[in-house]
């Protein structure tokens, strides 16, 4: 088994730096686009066989050190009776957004986990197909980020309405976060039970918060989820937020065995803030991957130098692969990371 990724999560010696990429399964690949011609996005997410196939496409194409299940963060909201659609050119739309305290009170006391069952089954299918060759990562969105979508009704640049709700209706906000935290913790544990060997909590919009507001309105719920998963099973937990340079110590306090670093934060500076007792993941700017090997070569060297000075570095992007990215650039990046980070006699070589 190729266990570089899992070893790096545990800050153990590795023969070279492991690499996987956020959104590595998706629309930059021709195989994915062919499937999308026949199947809407939600159908692909909610059909275990299709989600499994998309998950496996990049693992077959590149020498990646981990697979991540193909899904989306937003179906969790359907568990609370908030219907979800994806509209071409607009993105996700929550059909009944939560805009008042009464809307929070009206949410079901018991969440319906049925919308998440297809992803859990896809985890089971992928784990069986990988047969121990490559570790599998499960994931969920974090409560703060999902609350932003639930209140805003869709995507936004700064989620003003959601943050106003948070400030003006704190009791209702905490009620919503309680419900989300319970569903998310159960969901991640279910993915682990189905075969995920690590999980990632995506708090995509937590960087909108200052440290005080993060600690008050978001951190307790992420902490509860991350602690619950670690109590449930001894698996690595990656905690990732974009725009997080101002709240890195608070993210660490919230929990996780690995902290994901976005591309706007120098990895060396992040490591000095976080300390040596936690692994880090990141953090090439996806635009450099789009630009090509000549553009990203020196950046790879810098990230490997700053990330590899202490045990526990997983190479990744600072956000997801851009859809225009040529597959040749992805292959070149993966090979470059492996070749330039070789550590003779450090850790066992991966199995066939």
Protein backbone atom coordinates (compact mmCIF):
# COMPACT_ATOMS: atom_id res chain seq x y z
CA UNK A 1 0.00 0.00 0.00
CA UNK A 2 1.10 3.55 -0.70
CA UNK A 3 0.96 4.93 2.85
CA UNK A 4 2.97 8.15 2.37
CA UNK A 5 -0.12 10.28 2.88
CA UNK A 6 -1.19 8.58 6.10
CA UNK A 7 2.36 8.63 7.45
CA UNK A 8 2.71 12.35 6.73
CA UNK A 9 -0.60 13.00 8.50
CA UNK A 10 0.89 11.30 11.56
CA UNK A 11 4.18 13.25 11.15
CA UNK A 12 6.11 10.05 10.49
CA UNK A 13 9.10 9.78 8.10
CA UNK A 14 8.24 9.33 4.42
CA UNK A 15 10.34 8.45 1.36
CA UNK A 16 9.06 11.57 -0.43
CA UNK A 17 6.39 14.21 0.09
CA UNK A 18 2.89 12.88 -0.60
CA UNK A 19 0.65 14.83 -2.94
CA UNK A 20 -3.06 14.99 -3.67
CA UNK A 21 -5.11 17.92 -4.96
CA UNK A 22 -8.37 19.46 -3.87
CA UNK A 23 -10.90 19.03 -6.71
CA UNK A 24 -8.57 16.49 -8.30
CA UNK A 25 -11.73 14.65 -9.40
CA UNK A 26 -13.66 16.90 -11.71
CA UNK A 27 -14.20 19.02 -14.74
CA UNK A 28 -10.60 19.54 -15.93
CA UNK A 29 -10.56 15.85 -16.94
CA UNK A 30 -12.06 14.74 -20.26
CA UNK A 31 -13.38 11.54 -18.66
CA UNK A 32 -15.38 13.61 -16.20
CA UNK A 33 -16.74 15.94 -18.87
CA UNK A 34 -18.03 12.95 -20.85
CA UNK A 35 -20.01 11.79 -17.85
CA UNK A 36 -21.35 15.31 -17.24
CA UNK A 37 -22.72 15.40 -20.78
CA UNK A 38 -25.12 12.64 -19.73
CA UNK A 39 -25.66 13.30 -16.03
CA UNK A 40 -26.49 16.46 -14.04
CA UNK A 41 -24.13 17.20 -11.15
CA UNK A 42 -26.55 16.19 -8.39
CA UNK A 43 -27.29 12.92 -10.18
CA UNK A 44 -23.57 12.17 -10.25
CA UNK A 45 -23.21 12.96 -6.55
CA UNK A 46 -26.26 10.91 -5.61
CA UNK A 47 -25.50 7.86 -7.73
CA UNK A 48 -22.84 5.88 -5.84
CA UNK A 49 -21.49 4.15 -8.93
CA UNK A 50 -21.02 7.46 -10.77
CA UNK A 51 -19.46 9.18 -7.75
CA UNK A 52 -17.11 6.24 -7.32
CA UNK A 53 -16.07 6.36 -10.97
CA UNK A 54 -15.31 10.09 -10.82
CA UNK A 55 -13.32 9.58 -7.59
CA UNK A 56 -11.17 6.95 -9.28
CA UNK A 57 -10.49 8.84 -12.54
CA UNK A 58 -7.55 10.97 -11.28
CA UNK A 59 -6.10 8.07 -9.27
CA UNK A 60 -5.89 6.06 -12.47
CA UNK A 61 -4.43 8.98 -14.43
CA UNK A 62 -1.79 10.30 -12.00
CA UNK A 63 0.57 8.98 -9.33
CA UNK A 64 -1.45 10.56 -6.52
CA UNK A 65 -0.96 9.54 -2.91
CA UNK A 66 -4.63 9.79 -1.90
CA UNK A 67 -8.10 9.72 -3.40
CA UNK A 68 -10.90 11.97 -2.15
CA UNK A 69 -14.52 10.97 -2.54
CA UNK A 70 -16.42 12.88 -5.21
CA UNK A 71 -19.28 14.82 -3.67
CA UNK A 72 -20.17 18.36 -2.60
CA UNK A 73 -20.45 20.07 0.77
CA UNK A 74 -24.06 21.26 0.30
CA UNK A 75 -26.19 18.06 0.35
CA UNK A 76 -25.81 18.16 4.15
CA UNK A 77 -28.35 21.01 4.07
CA UNK A 78 -30.95 18.69 2.56
CA UNK A 79 -30.86 16.73 5.83
CA UNK A 80 -32.42 19.78 7.49
CA UNK A 81 -35.19 20.10 4.91
CA UNK A 82 -33.44 22.72 2.78
CA UNK A 83 -33.80 21.63 -0.88
CA UNK A 84 -30.75 22.12 -3.09
CA UNK A 85 -30.44 22.67 -6.83
CA UNK A 86 -27.54 23.60 -9.11
CA UNK A 87 -28.35 26.11 -11.86
CA UNK A 88 -26.00 26.43 -14.84
CA UNK A 89 -24.18 29.76 -14.75
CA UNK A 90 -25.39 30.52 -11.23
CA UNK A 91 -24.24 27.64 -9.07
CA UNK A 92 -25.96 26.22 -5.99
CA UNK A 93 -29.36 27.52 -4.91
CA UNK A 94 -30.99 26.76 -1.55
CA UNK A 95 -34.70 26.84 -2.32
CA UNK A 96 -35.87 27.75 1.20
CA UNK A 97 -33.10 29.81 2.80
CA UNK A 98 -33.04 30.36 6.55
CA UNK A 99 -33.64 34.10 6.93
CA UNK A 100 -35.33 34.45 10.34
CA UNK A 101 -35.14 32.97 13.83
CA UNK A 102 -38.52 31.37 13.12
CA UNK A 103 -36.98 29.57 10.13
CA UNK A 104 -34.41 28.02 12.45
CA UNK A 105 -37.14 26.99 14.91
CA UNK A 106 -39.01 25.33 12.03
CA UNK A 107 -36.08 23.08 11.09
CA UNK A 108 -36.67 19.42 11.94
CA UNK A 109 -35.54 18.34 15.40
CA UNK A 110 -34.27 15.07 13.89
CA UNK A 111 -32.24 15.37 10.71
CA UNK A 112 -32.94 13.05 7.79
CA UNK A 113 -29.61 11.41 6.88
CA UNK A 114 -31.04 9.85 3.70
CA UNK A 115 -29.56 12.50 1.31
CA UNK A 116 -26.07 11.52 2.47
CA UNK A 117 -26.45 7.77 2.04
CA UNK A 118 -25.26 7.75 -1.61
CA UNK A 119 -21.94 9.36 -0.68
CA UNK A 120 -21.42 6.90 2.16
CA UNK A 121 -22.10 4.06 -0.26
CA UNK A 122 -19.71 5.62 -2.80
CA UNK A 123 -17.00 5.58 -0.10
CA UNK A 124 -17.64 1.88 0.37
CA UNK A 125 -17.42 1.20 -3.38
CA UNK A 126 -14.21 3.20 -3.85
CA UNK A 127 -12.50 1.61 -0.88
CA UNK A 128 -13.29 -1.82 -2.29
CA UNK A 129 -12.00 -0.83 -5.74
CA UNK A 130 -8.78 0.71 -4.41
CA UNK A 131 -8.12 -2.52 -2.51
CA UNK A 132 -5.54 -0.93 -0.24
CA UNK A 133 -3.45 0.58 -3.02
CA UNK A 134 -4.27 4.23 -2.25
CA UNK A 135 -5.78 5.81 0.89
CA UNK A 136 -9.25 7.32 0.59
CA UNK A 137 -10.30 10.68 2.09
CA UNK A 138 -13.88 11.52 3.03
CA UNK A 139 -15.06 15.05 3.70
CA UNK A 140 -17.76 17.47 4.73
CA UNK A 141 -18.30 21.18 4.86
CA UNK A 142 -17.97 22.81 8.29
CA UNK A 143 -20.96 24.29 10.13
CA UNK A 144 -20.00 27.94 9.60
CA UNK A 145 -19.62 27.55 5.84
CA UNK A 146 -22.85 25.55 5.49
CA UNK A 147 -24.73 28.07 7.62
CA UNK A 148 -23.53 30.82 5.26
CA UNK A 149 -25.08 29.03 2.28
CA UNK A 150 -28.25 28.16 4.20
CA UNK A 151 -28.89 31.79 5.13
CA UNK A 152 -27.66 33.45 1.93
CA UNK A 153 -29.53 31.00 -0.29
CA UNK A 154 -26.52 30.38 -2.51
CA UNK A 155 -23.04 31.65 -3.27
CA UNK A 156 -21.79 35.09 -2.29
CA UNK A 157 -18.55 37.05 -2.27
CA UNK A 158 -18.73 37.92 1.43
CA UNK A 159 -21.96 36.40 2.81
CA UNK A 160 -23.11 39.67 4.33
CA UNK A 161 -26.63 38.43 5.09
CA UNK A 162 -25.33 35.35 6.86
CA UNK A 163 -22.94 37.36 9.02
CA UNK A 164 -25.64 39.92 9.82
CA UNK A 165 -27.89 37.06 10.93
CA UNK A 166 -25.05 35.74 13.08
CA UNK A 167 -24.64 39.12 14.80
CA UNK A 168 -28.30 40.13 15.10
CA UNK A 169 -29.77 36.71 15.93
CA UNK A 170 -27.08 34.95 17.96
CA UNK A 171 -29.47 32.52 19.66
CA UNK A 172 -30.93 31.41 16.32
CA UNK A 173 -27.42 31.23 14.82
CA UNK A 174 -26.25 28.89 17.57
CA UNK A 175 -29.39 26.81 17.14
CA UNK A 176 -28.60 26.37 13.45
CA UNK A 177 -24.96 25.57 14.18
CA UNK A 178 -25.96 22.95 16.76
CA UNK A 179 -28.09 21.15 14.20
CA UNK A 180 -25.39 21.31 11.53
CA UNK A 181 -22.64 20.11 13.87
CA UNK A 182 -24.64 17.02 14.83
CA UNK A 183 -25.36 16.05 11.22
CA UNK A 184 -21.78 16.68 10.07
CA UNK A 185 -20.20 14.68 12.89
CA UNK A 186 -22.49 11.73 12.15
CA UNK A 187 -21.75 12.04 8.42
CA UNK A 188 -17.97 11.99 8.82
CA UNK A 189 -18.15 9.05 11.21
CA UNK A 190 -20.34 7.19 8.70
CA UNK A 191 -17.76 7.79 5.98
CA UNK A 192 -15.03 6.42 8.24
CA UNK A 193 -17.17 3.36 9.00
CA UNK A 194 -17.65 2.87 5.23
CA UNK A 195 -13.87 2.86 4.66
CA UNK A 196 -12.53 6.43 4.55
CA UNK A 197 -9.00 6.38 6.04
CA UNK A 198 -8.92 10.14 6.65
CA UNK A 199 -11.46 12.96 6.51
CA UNK A 200 -11.27 16.66 5.71
CA UNK A 201 -13.46 19.39 7.16
CA UNK A 202 -13.82 22.25 4.66
CA UNK A 203 -14.55 25.61 6.28
CA UNK A 204 -14.35 27.49 3.01
CA UNK A 205 -15.61 30.83 4.36
CA UNK A 206 -14.21 30.91 7.91
CA UNK A 207 -11.58 33.41 6.74
CA UNK A 208 -14.34 36.03 6.64
CA UNK A 209 -14.30 36.08 10.44
CA UNK A 210 -11.96 37.89 12.80
CA UNK A 211 -10.42 35.72 15.55
CA UNK A 212 -12.90 36.83 18.23
CA UNK A 213 -15.96 36.09 16.09
CA UNK A 214 -14.46 32.80 14.88
CA UNK A 215 -13.97 31.67 18.49
CA UNK A 216 -17.51 32.72 19.43
CA UNK A 217 -19.57 31.72 16.42
CA UNK A 218 -17.72 28.91 14.63
CA UNK A 219 -14.89 27.30 16.58
CA UNK A 220 -16.98 25.43 19.20
CA UNK A 221 -18.91 23.57 16.54
CA UNK A 222 -15.90 22.60 14.43
CA UNK A 223 -14.16 21.51 17.63
CA UNK A 224 -17.11 19.30 18.55
CA UNK A 225 -17.08 17.62 15.13
CA UNK A 226 -13.33 17.09 14.99
CA UNK A 227 -13.23 15.72 18.54
CA UNK A 228 -16.13 13.38 17.83
CA UNK A 229 -14.43 11.93 14.76
CA UNK A 230 -11.16 11.39 16.62
CA UNK A 231 -13.04 9.67 19.46
CA UNK A 232 -14.91 7.51 16.96
CA UNK A 233 -11.84 6.21 15.12
CA UNK A 234 -8.10 6.78 15.01
CA UNK A 235 -8.00 8.42 11.58
CA UNK A 236 -6.28 11.64 10.47
CA UNK A 237 -8.52 14.69 10.33
CA UNK A 238 -7.61 17.59 8.01
CA UNK A 239 -8.99 21.01 8.90
CA UNK A 240 -8.98 23.50 6.03
CA UNK A 241 -10.19 27.08 5.64
CA UNK A 242 -9.49 29.63 2.91
CA UNK A 243 -8.35 33.13 3.83
CA UNK A 244 -7.30 31.72 7.18
CA UNK A 245 -4.01 33.56 7.81
CA UNK A 246 -5.66 35.67 10.53
CA UNK A 247 -7.14 32.71 12.41
CA UNK A 248 -4.54 29.93 12.09
CA UNK A 249 -3.96 29.56 15.86
CA UNK A 250 -7.73 29.42 16.37
CA UNK A 251 -8.10 26.79 13.65
CA UNK A 252 -5.51 24.68 15.44
CA UNK A 253 -7.40 25.11 18.72
CA UNK A 254 -10.56 23.89 16.98
CA UNK A 255 -8.79 20.63 16.19
CA UNK A 256 -7.44 18.40 13.47
CA UNK A 257 -4.29 16.38 12.99
CA UNK A 258 -3.49 18.33 9.81
CA UNK A 259 -4.13 22.01 9.07
CA UNK A 260 -4.67 22.91 5.41
CA UNK A 261 -3.01 26.17 4.33
CA UNK A 262 -4.40 28.28 1.50
CA UNK A 263 -2.17 29.86 -1.15
CA UNK A 264 -2.28 33.35 0.36
CA UNK A 265 -0.30 32.24 3.40
CA UNK A 266 3.41 31.45 3.30
CA UNK A 267 3.79 27.83 4.40
CA UNK A 268 6.89 28.55 6.47
CA UNK A 269 5.13 31.36 8.32
CA UNK A 270 2.14 29.10 8.91
CA UNK A 271 4.37 26.41 10.35
CA UNK A 272 5.98 28.86 12.75
CA UNK A 273 2.51 29.92 13.95
CA UNK A 274 1.17 26.40 14.27
CA UNK A 275 4.22 24.73 15.84
CA UNK A 276 5.84 21.37 15.25
CA UNK A 277 3.13 19.20 16.83
CA UNK A 278 0.77 19.28 13.86
CA UNK A 279 1.04 18.38 10.18
CA UNK A 280 0.33 20.88 7.40
CA UNK A 281 -1.13 20.56 3.92
CA UNK A 282 -0.67 22.88 0.96
CA UNK A 283 -0.33 25.21 -0.70
CA UNK A 284 0.41 25.97 -4.39
CA UNK A 285 -1.78 28.65 -5.97
CA UNK A 286 -4.07 26.85 -8.48
CA UNK A 287 -3.34 29.59 -11.03
CA UNK A 288 0.30 28.46 -11.15
CA UNK A 289 -0.85 24.92 -11.87
CA UNK A 290 -2.93 26.34 -14.71
CA UNK A 291 0.09 28.32 -15.99
CA UNK A 292 2.28 25.23 -16.29
CA UNK A 293 5.55 23.64 -15.10
CA UNK A 294 7.83 26.55 -15.97
CA UNK A 295 5.64 28.84 -13.88
CA UNK A 296 5.18 26.56 -10.88
CA UNK A 297 8.64 24.96 -10.69
CA UNK A 298 10.21 27.51 -8.33
CA UNK A 299 7.03 27.64 -6.23
CA UNK A 300 7.14 23.87 -5.78
CA UNK A 301 10.74 24.17 -4.57
CA UNK A 302 9.79 26.90 -2.09
CA UNK A 303 6.83 24.93 -0.72
CA UNK A 304 8.88 21.76 -0.38
CA UNK A 305 11.67 23.67 1.38
CA UNK A 306 9.40 25.43 3.85
CA UNK A 307 6.96 22.56 4.29
CA UNK A 308 9.59 19.87 4.63
CA UNK A 309 11.70 21.41 7.35
CA UNK A 310 9.69 19.49 9.98
CA UNK A 311 7.90 16.11 9.75
CA UNK A 312 4.38 16.14 8.43
CA UNK A 313 3.85 17.91 5.10
CA UNK A 314 1.30 16.93 2.45
CA UNK A 315 1.65 18.79 -0.84
CA UNK A 316 -1.61 20.21 -2.17
CA UNK A 317 -3.04 23.32 -3.74
CA UNK A 318 -4.20 26.32 -1.74
CA UNK A 319 -7.66 25.68 -3.22
CA UNK A 320 -9.19 23.45 -5.91
CA UNK A 321 -7.92 22.59 -9.39
CA UNK A 322 -9.24 25.15 -11.90
CA UNK A 323 -11.43 23.66 -14.63
CA UNK A 324 -9.24 25.02 -17.47
CA UNK A 325 -6.13 23.22 -16.15
CA UNK A 326 -4.49 20.85 -18.68
CA UNK A 327 -4.09 17.32 -17.38
CA UNK A 328 -0.43 17.44 -18.46
CA UNK A 329 0.17 20.17 -15.88
CA UNK A 330 -1.32 17.99 -13.14
CA UNK A 331 0.84 15.04 -14.13
CA UNK A 332 3.95 17.23 -14.23
CA UNK A 333 3.21 18.66 -10.78
CA UNK A 334 2.67 15.28 -9.13
CA UNK A 335 5.85 13.86 -10.64
CA UNK A 336 7.83 17.00 -9.79
CA UNK A 337 6.82 16.89 -6.13
CA UNK A 338 7.79 13.24 -5.83
CA UNK A 339 11.11 13.62 -7.64
CA UNK A 340 12.26 16.76 -5.83
CA UNK A 341 11.34 15.57 -2.35
CA UNK A 342 13.07 12.19 -2.35
CA UNK A 343 14.41 11.20 1.07
CA UNK A 344 16.57 8.08 0.80
CA UNK A 345 16.08 5.63 3.66
CA UNK A 346 13.30 7.75 5.24
CA UNK A 347 10.17 5.67 5.51
CA UNK A 348 9.24 2.58 3.56
CA UNK A 349 8.65 2.69 -0.16
CA UNK A 350 5.04 2.22 -1.23
CA UNK A 351 3.88 -1.20 -2.29
CA UNK A 352 2.84 -2.01 -5.85
